[in-house]
Amino acid sequence: MKKIYYLMIVAATLIAACLPKNQPVDTAAAKEAVNAMMDKYLTAWNAQDANLFDTFLADDGLYIGTDPSEFWNKDTLKAVIIKQFADTTMKYNYVIDKREIKVAPDGNSAIVVEHFTVNAISPKLIFRNITRVAKKGEDWKIDFASWNFIFKNEDLGKIIMALE
Protein backbone atom coordinates (compact mmCIF):
# COMPACT_ATOMS: atom_id res chain seq x y z
CA MET A 1 0.00 0.00 0.00
CA LYS A 2 2.90 2.35 0.81
CA LYS A 3 4.38 1.73 -2.64
CA ILE A 4 1.14 2.80 -4.33
CA TYR A 5 0.98 5.88 -2.13
CA TYR A 6 4.56 6.88 -2.97
CA LEU A 7 3.98 6.11 -6.65
CA MET A 8 0.95 8.43 -6.62
CA ILE A 9 2.99 11.22 -4.99
CA VAL A 10 5.73 10.85 -7.62
CA ALA A 11 3.15 10.82 -10.44
CA ALA A 12 1.40 13.93 -9.06
CA THR A 13 4.75 15.71 -8.72
CA LEU A 14 5.72 14.86 -12.31
CA ILE A 15 2.35 16.02 -13.65
CA ALA A 16 2.56 19.28 -11.69
CA ALA A 17 6.10 19.86 -12.98
CA CYS A 18 4.96 19.45 -16.59
CA LEU A 19 2.04 21.87 -16.38
CA PRO A 20 2.62 25.22 -18.11
CA LYS A 21 3.60 28.01 -15.77
CA ASN A 22 1.74 31.31 -15.83
CA GLN A 23 4.13 33.74 -17.39
CA PRO A 24 3.82 37.34 -16.24
CA VAL A 25 2.24 39.52 -18.91
CA ASP A 26 3.97 42.73 -19.91
CA THR A 27 0.85 44.88 -20.33
CA ALA A 28 2.99 48.00 -20.80
CA ALA A 29 4.64 46.44 -23.87
CA ALA A 30 1.22 45.35 -25.17
CA LYS A 31 -0.08 48.88 -24.69
CA GLU A 32 2.87 50.29 -26.66
CA ALA A 33 2.28 47.77 -29.46
CA VAL A 34 -1.42 48.62 -29.62
CA ASN A 35 -0.65 52.36 -29.61
CA ALA A 36 1.83 51.90 -32.48
CA MET A 37 -0.71 49.85 -34.45
CA MET A 38 -3.40 52.48 -33.91
CA ASP A 39 -0.98 55.19 -35.12
CA LYS A 40 -0.41 53.17 -38.32
CA TYR A 41 -4.18 52.72 -38.69
CA LEU A 42 -4.60 56.52 -38.43
CA THR A 43 -1.86 57.03 -41.03
CA ALA A 44 -3.62 54.63 -43.42
CA TRP A 45 -6.90 56.50 -42.88
CA ASN A 46 -5.37 59.94 -43.42
CA ALA A 47 -3.56 58.70 -46.53
CA GLN A 48 -6.90 57.34 -47.77
CA ASP A 49 -5.21 54.01 -48.44
CA ALA A 50 -8.08 51.50 -48.44
CA ASN A 51 -5.78 48.52 -48.99
CA LEU A 52 -3.53 49.39 -46.05
CA PHE A 53 -6.57 50.27 -43.92
CA ASP A 54 -7.99 46.82 -44.67
CA THR A 55 -4.91 45.07 -43.21
CA PHE A 56 -5.82 46.26 -39.71
CA LEU A 57 -9.28 44.65 -39.76
CA ALA A 58 -10.02 41.15 -38.48
CA ASP A 59 -11.83 38.91 -40.94
CA ASP A 60 -14.56 38.14 -38.38
CA GLY A 61 -14.92 41.70 -37.07
CA LEU A 62 -17.98 43.81 -36.37
CA TYR A 63 -17.80 47.47 -37.34
CA ILE A 64 -20.53 49.96 -36.43
CA GLY A 65 -20.91 53.37 -38.06
CA THR A 66 -22.58 56.53 -36.79
CA ASP A 67 -25.94 55.76 -38.41
CA PRO A 68 -28.21 53.17 -36.70
CA SER A 69 -28.31 51.17 -39.96
CA GLU A 70 -24.52 50.85 -40.21
CA PHE A 71 -23.55 47.38 -39.01
CA TRP A 72 -20.73 46.08 -41.19
CA ASN A 73 -18.45 43.10 -41.52
CA LYS A 74 -14.96 43.47 -42.97
CA ASP A 75 -16.05 43.24 -46.60
CA THR A 76 -18.93 45.71 -46.30
CA LEU A 77 -16.79 48.19 -44.36
CA LYS A 78 -14.06 47.92 -46.97
CA ALA A 79 -16.62 48.68 -49.71
CA VAL A 80 -17.79 51.77 -47.78
CA ILE A 81 -14.20 52.93 -47.28
CA ILE A 82 -13.28 52.44 -50.95
CA LYS A 83 -16.31 54.51 -51.99
CA GLN A 84 -15.56 57.19 -49.38
CA PHE A 85 -11.89 57.44 -50.34
CA ALA A 86 -12.77 57.62 -54.06
CA ASP A 87 -14.31 61.06 -53.42
CA THR A 88 -11.10 63.07 -53.45
CA THR A 89 -12.98 66.34 -52.85
CA MET A 90 -13.54 65.32 -49.21
CA LYS A 91 -10.60 64.89 -46.86
CA TYR A 92 -11.65 63.07 -43.72
CA ASN A 93 -8.24 63.51 -42.10
CA TYR A 94 -8.10 63.83 -38.36
CA VAL A 95 -5.70 64.00 -35.44
CA ILE A 96 -6.38 62.18 -32.20
CA ASP A 97 -7.23 64.61 -29.41
CA LYS A 98 -7.35 61.90 -26.76
CA ARG A 99 -6.53 58.18 -26.75
CA GLU A 100 -6.95 55.77 -23.86
CA ILE A 101 -5.86 52.13 -24.07
CA LYS A 102 -6.89 49.44 -21.58
CA VAL A 103 -5.06 46.16 -22.07
CA ALA A 104 -6.69 42.94 -20.85
CA PRO A 105 -4.84 41.18 -18.01
CA ASP A 106 -3.79 38.35 -20.36
CA GLY A 107 -2.20 40.89 -22.75
CA ASN A 108 -4.02 39.45 -25.78
CA SER A 109 -6.65 42.16 -26.31
CA ALA A 110 -7.27 45.79 -25.57
CA ILE A 111 -9.94 48.45 -25.72
CA VAL A 112 -8.94 51.72 -27.39
CA VAL A 113 -11.04 54.87 -26.97
CA GLU A 114 -10.22 57.87 -29.14
CA HIS A 115 -11.68 61.37 -29.40
CA PHE A 116 -11.17 63.47 -32.50
CA THR A 117 -12.78 65.98 -34.83
CA VAL A 118 -12.92 65.90 -38.61
CA ASN A 119 -12.65 69.48 -39.84
CA ALA A 120 -14.16 68.57 -43.23
CA ILE A 121 -17.35 67.65 -41.38
CA SER A 122 -17.28 70.15 -38.50
CA PRO A 123 -14.57 71.31 -36.10
CA LYS A 124 -17.25 71.42 -33.36
CA LEU A 125 -18.50 67.84 -33.77
CA ILE A 126 -16.54 65.42 -31.61
CA PHE A 127 -16.21 61.78 -32.61
CA ARG A 128 -15.55 58.92 -30.22
CA ASN A 129 -14.15 55.75 -31.71
CA ILE A 130 -14.31 52.69 -29.47
CA THR A 131 -12.14 49.88 -30.79
CA ARG A 132 -11.31 46.41 -29.54
CA VAL A 133 -8.06 44.94 -30.81
CA ALA A 134 -6.99 41.34 -30.38
CA LYS A 135 -3.70 39.57 -30.88
CA LYS A 136 -3.89 37.33 -33.95
CA GLY A 137 -0.59 35.47 -34.09
CA GLU A 138 2.05 38.20 -33.95
CA ASP A 139 -0.25 40.95 -35.23
CA TRP A 140 -2.92 43.08 -33.61
CA LYS A 141 -6.22 43.23 -35.49
CA ILE A 142 -9.31 45.35 -34.96
CA ASP A 143 -12.21 42.97 -34.38
CA PHE A 144 -14.70 45.60 -33.20
CA ALA A 145 -15.06 49.31 -33.84
CA SER A 146 -17.87 51.74 -33.14
CA TRP A 147 -17.76 55.32 -34.42
CA ASN A 148 -19.97 57.75 -32.50
CA PHE A 149 -20.80 61.42 -32.35
CA ILE A 150 -20.51 62.76 -28.82
CA PHE A 151 -21.65 66.04 -27.37
CA LYS A 152 -20.66 68.06 -24.36
CA ASN A 153 -23.32 68.00 -21.67
CA GLU A 154 -23.71 71.77 -21.83
CA ASP A 155 -24.59 71.50 -25.55
CA LEU A 156 -27.28 68.86 -25.12
CA GLY A 157 -30.15 71.39 -24.83
CA LYS A 158 -29.09 73.07 -28.09
CA ILE A 159 -28.93 69.73 -29.86
CA ILE A 160 -32.33 68.65 -28.65
CA MET A 161 -33.81 71.99 -29.79
CA ALA A 162 -32.13 71.66 -33.21
CA LEU A 163 -33.64 68.21 -33.69
CA GLU A 164 -37.20 69.36 -33.00
C-alpha atoms as a PDB file:
ATOM      1  CA  MET A   1       0.000   0.000   0.000  1.00  0.00           C
ATOM      2  CA  LYS A   2       2.899   2.346   0.814  1.00  0.00           C
ATOM      3  CA  LYS A   3       4.376   1.730  -2.643  1.00  0.00           C
ATOM      4  CA  ILE A   4       1.144   2.802  -4.335  1.00  0.00           C
ATOM      5  CA  TYR A   5       0.975   5.884  -2.126  1.00  0.00           C
ATOM      6  CA  TYR A   6       4.557   6.883  -2.974  1.00  0.00           C
ATOM      7  CA  LEU A   7       3.980   6.111  -6.652  1.00  0.00           C
ATOM      8  CA  MET A   8       0.947   8.434  -6.622  1.00  0.00           C
ATOM      9  CA  ILE A   9       2.988  11.223  -4.993  1.00  0.00           C
ATOM     10  CA  VAL A  10       5.730  10.847  -7.616  1.00  0.00           C
ATOM     11  CA  ALA A  11       3.150  10.824 -10.442  1.00  0.00           C
ATOM     12  CA  ALA A  12       1.404  13.933  -9.061  1.00  0.00           C
ATOM     13  CA  THR A  13       4.746  15.714  -8.721  1.00  0.00           C
ATOM     14  CA  LEU A  14       5.717  14.863 -12.313  1.00  0.00           C
ATOM     15  CA  ILE A  15       2.353  16.024 -13.646  1.00  0.00           C
ATOM     16  CA  ALA A  16       2.564  19.277 -11.688  1.00  0.00           C
ATOM     17  CA  ALA A  17       6.096  19.862 -12.979  1.00  0.00           C
ATOM     18  CA  CYS A  18       4.958  19.447 -16.587  1.00  0.00           C
ATOM     19  CA  LEU A  19       2.041  21.868 -16.383  1.00  0.00           C
ATOM     20  CA  PRO A  20       2.621  25.216 -18.111  1.00  0.00           C
ATOM     21  CA  LYS A  21       3.599  28.011 -15.774  1.00  0.00           C
ATOM     22  CA  ASN A  22       1.742  31.306 -15.834  1.00  0.00           C
ATOM     23  CA  GLN A  23       4.133  33.742 -17.394  1.00  0.00           C
ATOM     24  CA  PRO A  24       3.824  37.339 -16.239  1.00  0.00           C
ATOM     25  CA  VAL A  25       2.240  39.518 -18.912  1.00  0.00           C
ATOM     26  CA  ASP A  26       3.969  42.731 -19.907  1.00  0.00           C
ATOM     27  CA  THR A  27       0.853  44.876 -20.334  1.00  0.00           C
ATOM     28  CA  ALA A  28       2.991  48.004 -20.804  1.00  0.00           C
ATOM     29  CA  ALA A  29       4.639  46.441 -23.868  1.00  0.00           C
ATOM     30  CA  ALA A  30       1.223  45.348 -25.171  1.00  0.00           C
ATOM     31  CA  LYS A  31      -0.077  48.880 -24.689  1.00  0.00           C
ATOM     32  CA  GLU A  32       2.875  50.285 -26.655  1.00  0.00           C
ATOM     33  CA  ALA A  33       2.284  47.766 -29.458  1.00  0.00           C
ATOM     34  CA  VAL A  34      -1.424  48.623 -29.622  1.00  0.00           C
ATOM     35  CA  ASN A  35      -0.654  52.356 -29.615  1.00  0.00           C
ATOM     36  CA  ALA A  36       1.833  51.896 -32.483  1.00  0.00           C
ATOM     37  CA  MET A  37      -0.707  49.850 -34.445  1.00  0.00           C
ATOM     38  CA  MET A  38      -3.404  52.482 -33.914  1.00  0.00           C
ATOM     39  CA  ASP A  39      -0.977  55.185 -35.120  1.00  0.00           C
ATOM     40  CA  LYS A  40      -0.410  53.169 -38.323  1.00  0.00           C
ATOM     41  CA  TYR A  41      -4.179  52.722 -38.689  1.00  0.00           C
ATOM     42  CA  LEU A  42      -4.603  56.516 -38.426  1.00  0.00           C
ATOM     43  CA  THR A  43      -1.860  57.030 -41.026  1.00  0.00           C
ATOM     44  CA  ALA A  44      -3.620  54.628 -43.422  1.00  0.00           C
ATOM     45  CA  TRP A  45      -6.897  56.504 -42.882  1.00  0.00           C
ATOM     46  CA  ASN A  46      -5.369  59.944 -43.420  1.00  0.00           C
ATOM     47  CA  ALA A  47      -3.560  58.695 -46.532  1.00  0.00           C
ATOM     48  CA  GLN A  48      -6.902  57.343 -47.765  1.00  0.00           C
ATOM     49  CA  ASP A  49      -5.206  54.012 -48.441  1.00  0.00           C
ATOM     50  CA  ALA A  50      -8.077  51.500 -48.442  1.00  0.00           C
ATOM     51  CA  ASN A  51      -5.781  48.518 -48.995  1.00  0.00           C
ATOM     52  CA  LEU A  52      -3.530  49.395 -46.055  1.00  0.00           C
ATOM     53  CA  PHE A  53      -6.574  50.273 -43.919  1.00  0.00           C
ATOM     54  CA  ASP A  54      -7.988  46.815 -44.673  1.00  0.00           C
ATOM     55  CA  THR A  55      -4.907  45.075 -43.211  1.00  0.00           C
ATOM     56  CA  PHE A  56      -5.820  46.255 -39.709  1.00  0.00           C
ATOM     57  CA  LEU A  57      -9.279  44.648 -39.757  1.00  0.00           C
ATOM     58  CA  ALA A  58     -10.023  41.146 -38.475  1.00  0.00           C
ATOM     59  CA  ASP A  59     -11.835  38.906 -40.944  1.00  0.00           C
ATOM     60  CA  ASP A  60     -14.561  38.142 -38.377  1.00  0.00           C
ATOM     61  CA  GLY A  61     -14.921  41.697 -37.075  1.00  0.00           C
ATOM     62  CA  LEU A  62     -17.981  43.812 -36.369  1.00  0.00           C
ATOM     63  CA  TYR A  63     -17.804  47.470 -37.339  1.00  0.00           C
ATOM     64  CA  ILE A  64     -20.525  49.958 -36.430  1.00  0.00           C
ATOM     65  CA  GLY A  65     -20.913  53.371 -38.062  1.00  0.00           C
ATOM     66  CA  THR A  66     -22.579  56.529 -36.792  1.00  0.00           C
ATOM     67  CA  ASP A  67     -25.945  55.756 -38.413  1.00  0.00           C
ATOM     68  CA  PRO A  68     -28.206  53.169 -36.702  1.00  0.00           C
ATOM     69  CA  SER A  69     -28.314  51.170 -39.957  1.00  0.00           C
ATOM     70  CA  GLU A  70     -24.521  50.846 -40.212  1.00  0.00           C
ATOM     71  CA  PHE A  71     -23.554  47.380 -39.008  1.00  0.00           C
ATOM     72  CA  TRP A  72     -20.731  46.079 -41.185  1.00  0.00           C
ATOM     73  CA  ASN A  73     -18.453  43.097 -41.517  1.00  0.00           C
ATOM     74  CA  LYS A  74     -14.961  43.472 -42.967  1.00  0.00           C
ATOM     75  CA  ASP A  75     -16.053  43.238 -46.601  1.00  0.00           C
ATOM     76  CA  THR A  76     -18.926  45.712 -46.299  1.00  0.00           C
ATOM     77  CA  LEU A  77     -16.790  48.187 -44.357  1.00  0.00           C
ATOM     78  CA  LYS A  78     -14.062  47.924 -46.971  1.00  0.00           C
ATOM     79  CA  ALA A  79     -16.617  48.684 -49.714  1.00  0.00           C
ATOM     80  CA  VAL A  80     -17.789  51.767 -47.776  1.00  0.00           C
ATOM     81  CA  ILE A  81     -14.200  52.926 -47.276  1.00  0.00           C
ATOM     82  CA  ILE A  82     -13.281  52.438 -50.954  1.00  0.00           C
ATOM     83  CA  LYS A  83     -16.310  54.511 -51.991  1.00  0.00           C
ATOM     84  CA  GLN A  84     -15.555  57.187 -49.380  1.00  0.00           C
ATOM     85  CA  PHE A  85     -11.888  57.437 -50.339  1.00  0.00           C
ATOM     86  CA  ALA A  86     -12.773  57.621 -54.055  1.00  0.00           C
ATOM     87  CA  ASP A  87     -14.306  61.055 -53.425  1.00  0.00           C
ATOM     88  CA  THR A  88     -11.102  63.069 -53.453  1.00  0.00           C
ATOM     89  CA  THR A  89     -12.981  66.337 -52.850  1.00  0.00           C
ATOM     90  CA  MET A  90     -13.536  65.315 -49.206  1.00  0.00           C
ATOM     91  CA  LYS A  91     -10.605  64.891 -46.864  1.00  0.00           C
ATOM     92  CA  TYR A  92     -11.651  63.066 -43.722  1.00  0.00           C
ATOM     93  CA  ASN A  93      -8.243  63.514 -42.101  1.00  0.00           C
ATOM     94  CA  TYR A  94      -8.099  63.826 -38.361  1.00  0.00           C
ATOM     95  CA  VAL A  95      -5.698  64.000 -35.445  1.00  0.00           C
ATOM     96  CA  ILE A  96      -6.379  62.176 -32.204  1.00  0.00           C
ATOM     97  CA  ASP A  97      -7.232  64.607 -29.411  1.00  0.00           C
ATOM     98  CA  LYS A  98      -7.354  61.901 -26.759  1.00  0.00           C
ATOM     99  CA  ARG A  99      -6.530  58.182 -26.748  1.00  0.00           C
ATOM    100  CA  GLU A 100      -6.951  55.768 -23.857  1.00  0.00           C
ATOM    101  CA  ILE A 101      -5.865  52.131 -24.073  1.00  0.00           C
ATOM    102  CA  LYS A 102      -6.891  49.445 -21.584  1.00  0.00           C
ATOM    103  CA  VAL A 103      -5.062  46.158 -22.072  1.00  0.00           C
ATOM    104  CA  ALA A 104      -6.694  42.942 -20.848  1.00  0.00           C
ATOM    105  CA  PRO A 105      -4.837  41.180 -18.013  1.00  0.00           C
ATOM    106  CA  ASP A 106      -3.786  38.355 -20.359  1.00  0.00           C
ATOM    107  CA  GLY A 107      -2.199  40.887 -22.754  1.00  0.00           C
ATOM    108  CA  ASN A 108      -4.023  39.454 -25.781  1.00  0.00           C
ATOM    109  CA  SER A 109      -6.654  42.156 -26.314  1.00  0.00           C
ATOM    110  CA  ALA A 110      -7.268  45.794 -25.566  1.00  0.00           C
ATOM    111  CA  ILE A 111      -9.937  48.453 -25.719  1.00  0.00           C
ATOM    112  CA  VAL A 112      -8.939  51.720 -27.390  1.00  0.00           C
ATOM    113  CA  VAL A 113     -11.040  54.871 -26.967  1.00  0.00           C
ATOM    114  CA  GLU A 114     -10.222  57.867 -29.139  1.00  0.00           C
ATOM    115  CA  HIS A 115     -11.679  61.369 -29.400  1.00  0.00           C
ATOM    116  CA  PHE A 116     -11.165  63.474 -32.499  1.00  0.00           C
ATOM    117  CA  THR A 117     -12.780  65.984 -34.829  1.00  0.00           C
ATOM    118  CA  VAL A 118     -12.918  65.896 -38.610  1.00  0.00           C
ATOM    119  CA  ASN A 119     -12.648  69.476 -39.842  1.00  0.00           C
ATOM    120  CA  ALA A 120     -14.156  68.571 -43.235  1.00  0.00           C
ATOM    121  CA  ILE A 121     -17.354  67.647 -41.382  1.00  0.00           C
ATOM    122  CA  SER A 122     -17.278  70.153 -38.504  1.00  0.00           C
ATOM    123  CA  PRO A 123     -14.571  71.310 -36.100  1.00  0.00           C
ATOM    124  CA  LYS A 124     -17.250  71.423 -33.364  1.00  0.00           C
ATOM    125  CA  LEU A 125     -18.497  67.843 -33.773  1.00  0.00           C
ATOM    126  CA  ILE A 126     -16.545  65.418 -31.613  1.00  0.00           C
ATOM    127  CA  PHE A 127     -16.206  61.780 -32.606  1.00  0.00           C
ATOM    128  CA  ARG A 128     -15.548  58.916 -30.223  1.00  0.00           C
ATOM    129  CA  ASN A 129     -14.147  55.750 -31.713  1.00  0.00           C
ATOM    130  CA  ILE A 130     -14.309  52.685 -29.474  1.00  0.00           C
ATOM    131  CA  THR A 131     -12.138  49.884 -30.788  1.00  0.00           C
ATOM    132  CA  ARG A 132     -11.305  46.409 -29.542  1.00  0.00           C
ATOM    133  CA  VAL A 133      -8.064  44.935 -30.810  1.00  0.00           C
ATOM    134  CA  ALA A 134      -6.988  41.342 -30.375  1.00  0.00           C
ATOM    135  CA  LYS A 135      -3.701  39.568 -30.878  1.00  0.00           C
ATOM    136  CA  LYS A 136      -3.892  37.327 -33.951  1.00  0.00           C
ATOM    137  CA  GLY A 137      -0.590  35.474 -34.089  1.00  0.00           C
ATOM    138  CA  GLU A 138       2.050  38.200 -33.945  1.00  0.00           C
ATOM    139  CA  ASP A 139      -0.255  40.951 -35.230  1.00  0.00           C
ATOM    140  CA  TRP A 140      -2.917  43.083 -33.605  1.00  0.00           C
ATOM    141  CA  LYS A 141      -6.216  43.232 -35.492  1.00  0.00           C
ATOM    142  CA  ILE A 142      -9.308  45.347 -34.963  1.00  0.00           C
ATOM    143  CA  ASP A 143     -12.215  42.968 -34.384  1.00  0.00           C
ATOM    144  CA  PHE A 144     -14.705  45.596 -33.200  1.00  0.00           C
ATOM    145  CA  ALA A 145     -15.058  49.310 -33.845  1.00  0.00           C
ATOM    146  CA  SER A 146     -17.867  51.743 -33.143  1.00  0.00           C
ATOM    147  CA  TRP A 147     -17.760  55.315 -34.423  1.00  0.00           C
ATOM    148  CA  ASN A 148     -19.965  57.749 -32.496  1.00  0.00           C
ATOM    149  CA  PHE A 149     -20.798  61.421 -32.348  1.00  0.00           C
ATOM    150  CA  ILE A 150     -20.510  62.759 -28.821  1.00  0.00           C
ATOM    151  CA  PHE A 151     -21.648  66.036 -27.365  1.00  0.00           C
ATOM    152  CA  LYS A 152     -20.659  68.062 -24.362  1.00  0.00           C
ATOM    153  CA  ASN A 153     -23.323  67.998 -21.673  1.00  0.00           C
ATOM    154  CA  GLU A 154     -23.707  71.771 -21.830  1.00  0.00           C
ATOM    155  CA  ASP A 155     -24.595  71.502 -25.552  1.00  0.00           C
ATOM    156  CA  LEU A 156     -27.285  68.864 -25.116  1.00  0.00           C
ATOM    157  CA  GLY A 157     -30.149  71.393 -24.832  1.00  0.00           C
ATOM    158  CA  LYS A 158     -29.094  73.069 -28.086  1.00  0.00           C
ATOM    159  CA  ILE A 159     -28.926  69.732 -29.864  1.00  0.00           C
ATOM    160  CA  ILE A 160     -32.327  68.655 -28.647  1.00  0.00           C
ATOM    161  CA  MET A 161     -33.807  71.994 -29.792  1.00  0.00           C
ATOM    162  CA  ALA A 162     -32.130  71.658 -33.212  1.00  0.00           C
ATOM    163  CA  LEU A 163     -33.642  68.213 -33.693  1.00  0.00           C
ATOM    164  CA  GLU A 164     -37.203  69.362 -33.004  1.00  0.00           C
END
